[in-house]
Amino acid sequence: MIAVFETSVQNSQEAAQIHPVLAQISPTIRWNFDLQDCDRVLRVNCQPEPVGLVIGMVEEQGFACEELE
């Protein structure tokens, strides 16, 4: 399943800062940022879907993160 989040990540350097944090969730997690989107979208593909964990880990890095419906 794919979860989609609105974030405050502004550039690829900030996205790279989050990489090692998200890698801790699961060895099979796949994710990407769409920084061209006005919501700075983070898409996460992982089973099971760790919505709360992703939000908490991104926020611990100093960025806003909210799941989009």
Protein backbone atom coordinates (compact mmCIF):
# COMPACT_ATOMS: atom_id res chain seq x y z
CA MET A 1 0.00 0.00 0.00
CA ILE A 2 1.14 3.55 -0.70
CA ALA A 3 0.72 6.31 1.86
CA VAL A 4 0.94 9.94 0.74
CA PHE A 5 2.07 12.78 3.00
CA GLU A 6 2.25 16.56 2.74
CA THR A 7 5.59 17.77 4.10
CA SER A 8 7.61 20.94 4.62
CA VAL A 9 10.71 19.48 2.93
CA GLN A 10 11.98 22.10 0.49
CA ASN A 11 14.86 20.54 -1.46
CA SER A 12 16.78 17.38 -2.25
CA GLN A 13 19.31 18.01 0.53
CA GLU A 14 16.53 18.02 3.12
CA ALA A 15 15.02 14.90 1.55
CA ALA A 16 18.42 13.20 1.79
CA GLN A 17 18.50 14.05 5.50
CA ILE A 18 15.34 11.95 5.97
CA HIS A 19 16.64 8.95 3.98
CA PRO A 20 18.50 7.16 6.82
CA VAL A 21 15.57 7.75 9.18
CA LEU A 22 13.02 6.19 6.82
CA ALA A 23 15.39 3.30 6.08
CA GLN A 24 15.08 2.29 9.75
CA ILE A 25 11.37 1.51 9.33
CA SER A 26 11.83 -1.52 7.10
CA PRO A 27 14.49 -2.94 4.80
CA THR A 28 11.86 -3.13 2.04
CA ILE A 29 10.50 0.41 2.35
CA ARG A 30 10.35 2.40 -0.88
CA TRP A 31 9.74 6.13 -0.84
CA ASN A 32 10.13 9.25 -2.92
CA PHE A 33 9.50 12.98 -2.75
CA ASP A 34 7.71 15.12 -5.32
CA LEU A 35 9.23 18.48 -4.44
CA GLN A 36 7.63 20.10 -7.51
CA ASP A 37 4.18 19.52 -6.00
CA CYS A 38 2.86 22.41 -3.87
CA ASP A 39 2.38 19.94 -0.96
CA ARG A 40 6.00 18.67 -1.16
CA VAL A 41 4.58 15.14 -1.33
CA LEU A 42 6.28 12.15 0.26
CA ARG A 43 5.03 8.78 -1.02
CA VAL A 44 5.83 5.70 1.04
CA ASN A 45 5.32 2.12 -0.15
CA CYS A 46 5.74 -0.38 2.65
CA GLN A 47 3.90 -3.33 4.14
CA PRO A 48 2.47 -2.89 6.66
CA GLU A 49 1.76 0.78 6.15
CA PRO A 50 3.53 2.67 8.99
CA VAL A 51 1.66 6.01 8.80
CA GLY A 52 2.16 7.08 12.42
CA LEU A 53 5.77 5.97 12.42
CA VAL A 54 6.60 7.90 9.23
CA ILE A 55 4.97 11.07 10.55
CA GLY A 56 6.81 10.81 13.86
CA MET A 57 10.20 10.15 12.26
CA VAL A 58 9.89 13.00 9.75
CA GLU A 59 8.74 15.40 12.47
CA GLU A 60 11.71 14.36 14.68
CA GLN A 61 13.94 15.66 11.87
CA GLY A 62 12.28 19.08 12.16
CA PHE A 63 9.84 18.88 9.25
CA ALA A 64 6.05 19.02 9.18
CA CYS A 65 4.37 15.86 7.92
CA GLU A 66 0.66 15.09 7.53
CA GLU A 67 -1.05 12.22 5.77
CA LEU A 68 -3.12 13.21 2.72
CA GLU A 69 -6.43 11.50 2.09
